[in-house]
């Protein structure tokens, strides 16, 4: 199932290289998500890592100043071990405001 979500991307990374003779081209983004409001012991936001289809998904946004707001296309599939989410595309739509207090620490 393909979904597109507008999210705050806090950061991104990728790796291209050879490890033990195997070529790799991986990427990941770090997305801000709100905690489940139905759980009384958690409040606020967390950052969640999502794997990308490959490093080519991430490389076009690496020059941007984070955090950004982006439309992220994800593929969600069910496996024996649960749900797998893979990022297929990232379309930046603007800068995101940092959490209150972040600018004061910089």
N, C-alpha and C. Protein backbone atom coordinates (compact mmCIF):
# COMPACT_ATOMS: atom_id res chain seq x y z
N UNK A 1 0.84 -1.16 0.00
CA UNK A 1 0.00 0.00 0.00
C UNK A 1 0.90 1.24 0.00
N UNK A 2 0.62 2.17 -0.88
CA UNK A 2 1.37 3.42 -0.99
C UNK A 2 0.61 4.53 -0.27
N UNK A 3 1.32 5.31 0.55
CA UNK A 3 0.73 6.46 1.22
C UNK A 3 1.67 7.65 1.09
N UNK A 4 1.10 8.85 1.09
CA UNK A 4 1.89 10.07 1.11
C UNK A 4 1.49 10.84 2.35
N UNK A 5 2.48 11.20 3.16
CA UNK A 5 2.22 11.94 4.39
C UNK A 5 3.06 13.20 4.40
N UNK A 6 2.49 14.27 4.95
CA UNK A 6 3.25 15.50 5.16
C UNK A 6 3.82 15.42 6.57
N UNK A 7 5.15 15.43 6.68
CA UNK A 7 5.82 15.21 7.96
C UNK A 7 6.95 16.22 8.17
N UNK A 8 7.44 16.27 9.39
CA UNK A 8 8.65 17.04 9.70
C UNK A 8 9.82 16.07 9.70
N UNK A 9 10.77 16.32 8.80
CA UNK A 9 11.97 15.50 8.70
C UNK A 9 13.07 16.22 9.49
N UNK A 10 13.54 15.58 10.55
CA UNK A 10 14.54 16.18 11.43
C UNK A 10 15.96 15.98 10.92
N UNK A 11 16.18 14.96 10.10
CA UNK A 11 17.50 14.69 9.58
C UNK A 11 17.46 13.54 8.59
N UNK A 12 18.60 13.28 7.95
CA UNK A 12 18.69 12.22 6.95
C UNK A 12 20.13 11.75 6.87
N UNK A 13 20.31 10.55 6.34
CA UNK A 13 21.65 10.02 6.16
C UNK A 13 21.65 8.94 5.10
N UNK A 14 22.84 8.67 4.56
CA UNK A 14 22.96 7.58 3.59
C UNK A 14 24.36 6.99 3.65
N UNK A 15 24.49 5.79 3.08
CA UNK A 15 25.77 5.11 2.98
C UNK A 15 25.87 4.49 1.61
N UNK A 16 26.99 4.73 0.97
CA UNK A 16 27.28 4.06 -0.30
C UNK A 16 28.70 3.51 -0.19
N UNK A 17 28.84 2.22 -0.36
CA UNK A 17 30.16 1.63 -0.26
C UNK A 17 30.09 0.12 -0.24
N UNK A 18 31.24 -0.48 -0.08
CA UNK A 18 31.37 -1.93 -0.07
C UNK A 18 31.73 -2.41 1.33
N UNK A 19 30.99 -3.38 1.81
CA UNK A 19 31.27 -4.00 3.10
C UNK A 19 31.42 -5.49 2.86
N UNK A 20 32.58 -6.01 3.19
CA UNK A 20 32.89 -7.43 3.01
C UNK A 20 32.56 -7.91 1.60
N UNK A 21 32.90 -7.09 0.60
CA UNK A 21 32.71 -7.45 -0.79
C UNK A 21 31.30 -7.26 -1.33
N UNK A 22 30.38 -6.75 -0.50
CA UNK A 22 29.00 -6.52 -0.94
C UNK A 22 28.75 -5.03 -1.06
N UNK A 23 28.25 -4.61 -2.23
CA UNK A 23 27.96 -3.20 -2.48
C UNK A 23 26.65 -2.80 -1.77
N UNK A 24 26.67 -1.66 -1.08
CA UNK A 24 25.49 -1.15 -0.38
C UNK A 24 25.21 0.29 -0.81
N UNK A 25 23.93 0.65 -0.88
CA UNK A 25 23.49 2.02 -1.14
C UNK A 25 22.21 2.22 -0.34
N UNK A 26 22.37 2.58 0.93
CA UNK A 26 21.22 2.66 1.83
C UNK A 26 20.97 4.11 2.25
N UNK A 27 19.76 4.37 2.71
CA UNK A 27 19.42 5.69 3.21
C UNK A 27 18.37 5.59 4.29
N UNK A 28 18.30 6.64 5.10
CA UNK A 28 17.26 6.71 6.13
C UNK A 28 16.93 8.17 6.41
N UNK A 29 15.71 8.38 6.85
CA UNK A 29 15.29 9.71 7.30
C UNK A 29 14.79 9.58 8.72
N UNK A 30 14.83 10.70 9.42
CA UNK A 30 14.41 10.74 10.81
C UNK A 30 13.24 11.71 10.90
N UNK A 31 12.07 11.16 11.27
CA UNK A 31 10.80 11.89 11.21
C UNK A 31 10.27 12.15 12.61
N UNK A 32 9.75 13.34 12.81
CA UNK A 32 9.13 13.70 14.09
C UNK A 32 7.72 13.12 14.13
N UNK A 33 7.43 12.38 15.21
CA UNK A 33 6.09 11.81 15.39
C UNK A 33 5.61 12.10 16.80
N UNK A 34 4.33 12.37 16.92
CA UNK A 34 3.73 12.61 18.24
C UNK A 34 3.54 11.28 18.95
N UNK A 35 3.71 11.29 20.27
CA UNK A 35 3.40 10.11 21.06
C UNK A 35 1.90 9.86 21.02
N UNK A 36 1.51 8.63 21.24
CA UNK A 36 0.11 8.22 21.29
C UNK A 36 -0.56 8.93 22.46
N UNK A 37 -1.53 9.80 22.17
CA UNK A 37 -2.20 10.59 23.20
C UNK A 37 -3.01 9.75 24.17
N UNK A 38 -3.34 8.50 23.79
CA UNK A 38 -4.13 7.65 24.69
C UNK A 38 -3.26 7.05 25.81
N UNK A 39 -1.97 7.18 25.72
CA UNK A 39 -1.07 6.65 26.75
C UNK A 39 -0.72 7.77 27.72
N UNK A 40 -1.14 7.66 28.98
CA UNK A 40 -0.95 8.77 29.92
C UNK A 40 0.50 8.98 30.35
N UNK A 41 1.38 8.01 30.12
CA UNK A 41 2.76 8.12 30.58
C UNK A 41 3.70 8.80 29.58
N UNK A 42 3.20 9.16 28.38
CA UNK A 42 4.02 9.79 27.36
C UNK A 42 3.33 11.04 26.84
N UNK A 43 4.15 12.05 26.56
CA UNK A 43 3.62 13.30 26.06
C UNK A 43 4.67 13.96 25.18
N UNK A 44 4.25 14.56 24.09
CA UNK A 44 5.19 15.27 23.25
C UNK A 44 5.51 14.53 21.97
N UNK A 45 6.78 14.62 21.56
CA UNK A 45 7.20 14.07 20.27
C UNK A 45 8.44 13.20 20.42
N UNK A 46 8.62 12.33 19.44
CA UNK A 46 9.81 11.50 19.36
C UNK A 46 10.30 11.53 17.91
N UNK A 47 11.52 11.10 17.70
CA UNK A 47 12.06 11.01 16.35
C UNK A 47 12.18 9.54 15.99
N UNK A 48 11.62 9.19 14.82
CA UNK A 48 11.58 7.80 14.38
C UNK A 48 12.38 7.67 13.08
N UNK A 49 13.19 6.63 13.00
CA UNK A 49 13.98 6.36 11.79
C UNK A 49 13.17 5.52 10.81
N UNK A 50 13.16 5.94 9.55
CA UNK A 50 12.53 5.17 8.47
C UNK A 50 13.58 4.85 7.42
N UNK A 51 13.63 3.61 6.99
CA UNK A 51 14.56 3.20 5.94
C UNK A 51 14.04 3.65 4.58
N UNK A 52 14.96 4.02 3.72
CA UNK A 52 14.62 4.44 2.37
C UNK A 52 14.91 3.33 1.38
N UNK A 53 14.27 3.41 0.24
CA UNK A 53 14.45 2.41 -0.82
C UNK A 53 15.94 2.26 -1.18
N UNK A 54 16.65 3.39 -1.24
CA UNK A 54 18.08 3.39 -1.52
C UNK A 54 18.64 4.77 -1.21
N UNK A 55 19.94 4.95 -1.40
CA UNK A 55 20.56 6.24 -1.09
C UNK A 55 20.09 7.35 -2.01
N UNK A 56 19.62 7.01 -3.20
CA UNK A 56 19.14 8.00 -4.16
C UNK A 56 17.91 8.75 -3.69
N UNK A 57 17.17 8.19 -2.75
CA UNK A 57 16.00 8.86 -2.19
C UNK A 57 16.43 10.02 -1.30
N UNK A 58 17.53 9.84 -0.58
CA UNK A 58 17.98 10.80 0.42
C UNK A 58 18.91 11.88 -0.15
N UNK A 59 19.76 11.51 -1.08
CA UNK A 59 20.79 12.42 -1.58
C UNK A 59 20.26 13.78 -2.06
N UNK A 60 19.11 13.87 -2.72
CA UNK A 60 18.63 15.18 -3.18
C UNK A 60 18.27 16.16 -2.07
N UNK A 61 18.08 15.70 -0.83
CA UNK A 61 17.72 16.62 0.25
C UNK A 61 18.88 16.90 1.21
N UNK A 62 20.02 16.29 0.98
CA UNK A 62 21.14 16.43 1.91
C UNK A 62 21.70 17.85 1.99
N UNK A 63 21.49 18.66 0.98
CA UNK A 63 22.00 20.03 1.00
C UNK A 63 21.09 20.98 1.78
N UNK A 64 19.90 20.53 2.17
CA UNK A 64 18.93 21.39 2.85
C UNK A 64 19.28 21.58 4.32
N UNK A 65 18.79 22.67 4.89
CA UNK A 65 18.92 22.94 6.32
C UNK A 65 17.75 22.25 7.03
N UNK A 66 18.03 21.37 7.97
CA UNK A 66 16.98 20.63 8.69
C UNK A 66 16.62 21.36 9.97
N UNK A 67 15.41 21.22 10.47
CA UNK A 67 14.33 20.34 10.01
C UNK A 67 13.58 20.95 8.82
N UNK A 68 12.99 20.06 8.02
CA UNK A 68 12.18 20.48 6.88
C UNK A 68 10.81 19.84 6.99
N UNK A 69 9.85 20.44 6.31
CA UNK A 69 8.54 19.83 6.11
C UNK A 69 8.59 19.20 4.72
N UNK A 70 8.12 17.97 4.61
CA UNK A 70 8.18 17.28 3.33
C UNK A 70 6.99 16.35 3.15
N UNK A 71 6.66 16.13 1.89
CA UNK A 71 5.70 15.09 1.55
C UNK A 71 6.52 13.83 1.31
N UNK A 72 6.26 12.81 2.09
CA UNK A 72 7.04 11.58 2.03
C UNK A 72 6.14 10.46 1.52
N UNK A 73 6.58 9.82 0.43
CA UNK A 73 5.85 8.69 -0.12
C UNK A 73 6.40 7.42 0.51
N UNK A 74 5.52 6.66 1.15
CA UNK A 74 5.93 5.44 1.84
C UNK A 74 5.16 4.24 1.29
N UNK A 75 5.84 3.11 1.29
CA UNK A 75 5.18 1.85 0.96
C UNK A 75 5.10 1.04 2.24
N UNK A 76 3.89 0.65 2.59
CA UNK A 76 3.66 -0.13 3.81
C UNK A 76 3.27 -1.54 3.38
N UNK A 77 4.00 -2.52 3.92
CA UNK A 77 3.70 -3.91 3.58
C UNK A 77 3.70 -4.75 4.85
N UNK A 78 2.94 -5.81 4.81
CA UNK A 78 2.85 -6.72 5.95
C UNK A 78 3.81 -7.88 5.73
N UNK A 79 4.51 -8.24 6.80
CA UNK A 79 5.41 -9.39 6.75
C UNK A 79 5.05 -10.33 7.89
N UNK A 80 5.74 -11.45 7.96
CA UNK A 80 5.49 -12.39 9.06
C UNK A 80 5.76 -11.75 10.41
N UNK A 81 6.71 -10.84 10.44
CA UNK A 81 7.12 -10.22 11.70
C UNK A 81 6.44 -8.89 11.96
N UNK A 82 5.45 -8.55 11.19
CA UNK A 82 4.74 -7.29 11.42
C UNK A 82 4.69 -6.44 10.18
N UNK A 83 4.80 -5.16 10.38
CA UNK A 83 4.64 -4.19 9.31
C UNK A 83 6.01 -3.63 8.92
N UNK A 84 6.23 -3.43 7.62
CA UNK A 84 7.47 -2.83 7.14
C UNK A 84 7.12 -1.55 6.39
N UNK A 85 7.84 -0.48 6.68
CA UNK A 85 7.63 0.81 6.03
C UNK A 85 8.92 1.17 5.30
N UNK A 86 8.80 1.49 4.02
CA UNK A 86 9.94 1.84 3.20
C UNK A 86 9.65 3.17 2.50
N UNK A 87 10.55 4.15 2.65
CA UNK A 87 10.37 5.46 2.02
C UNK A 87 10.80 5.36 0.56
N UNK A 88 9.90 5.77 -0.34
CA UNK A 88 10.16 5.72 -1.78
C UNK A 88 10.56 7.08 -2.35
N UNK A 89 10.05 8.18 -1.76
CA UNK A 89 10.33 9.51 -2.29
C UNK A 89 10.14 10.56 -1.21
N UNK A 90 10.92 11.65 -1.32
CA UNK A 90 10.82 12.78 -0.40
C UNK A 90 10.69 14.04 -1.24
N UNK A 91 9.63 14.81 -1.00
CA UNK A 91 9.43 16.07 -1.72
C UNK A 91 9.40 17.21 -0.69
N UNK A 92 10.50 17.97 -0.57
CA UNK A 92 10.53 19.07 0.40
C UNK A 92 9.49 20.13 0.04
N UNK A 93 8.81 20.66 1.06
CA UNK A 93 7.84 21.73 0.83
C UNK A 93 8.16 22.98 1.64
N UNK A 94 9.16 22.93 2.52
CA UNK A 94 9.55 24.13 3.25
C UNK A 94 10.33 23.79 4.50
N UNK A 95 10.81 24.86 5.17
CA UNK A 95 11.49 24.70 6.45
C UNK A 95 10.47 24.44 7.53
N UNK A 96 10.84 23.66 8.51
CA UNK A 96 9.96 23.41 9.66
C UNK A 96 10.48 24.22 10.82
N UNK A 97 9.57 24.67 11.67
CA UNK A 97 9.98 25.41 12.86
C UNK A 97 10.57 24.45 13.88
N UNK A 98 11.69 24.81 14.49
CA UNK A 98 12.25 23.94 15.53
C UNK A 98 11.35 23.96 16.76
N UNK A 99 11.50 22.96 17.61
CA UNK A 99 10.74 22.91 18.84
C UNK A 99 11.10 24.13 19.70
N UNK A 100 10.18 24.63 20.50
CA UNK A 100 10.49 25.77 21.38
C UNK A 100 11.73 25.49 22.22
N UNK A 101 12.59 26.48 22.31
CA UNK A 101 13.79 26.34 23.10
C UNK A 101 15.00 25.87 22.32
N UNK A 102 14.82 25.34 21.13
CA UNK A 102 15.94 24.86 20.33
C UNK A 102 16.86 26.01 19.90
N UNK A 103 16.28 27.12 19.46
CA UNK A 103 17.08 28.25 18.98
C UNK A 103 17.90 28.84 20.13
N UNK A 104 17.36 28.82 21.32
CA UNK A 104 18.05 29.39 22.47
C UNK A 104 19.30 28.59 22.82
N UNK A 105 19.31 27.27 22.53
CA UNK A 105 20.45 26.42 22.85
C UNK A 105 21.55 26.52 21.82
N UNK A 106 21.22 26.99 20.63
CA UNK A 106 22.20 27.00 19.53
C UNK A 106 23.28 28.04 19.74
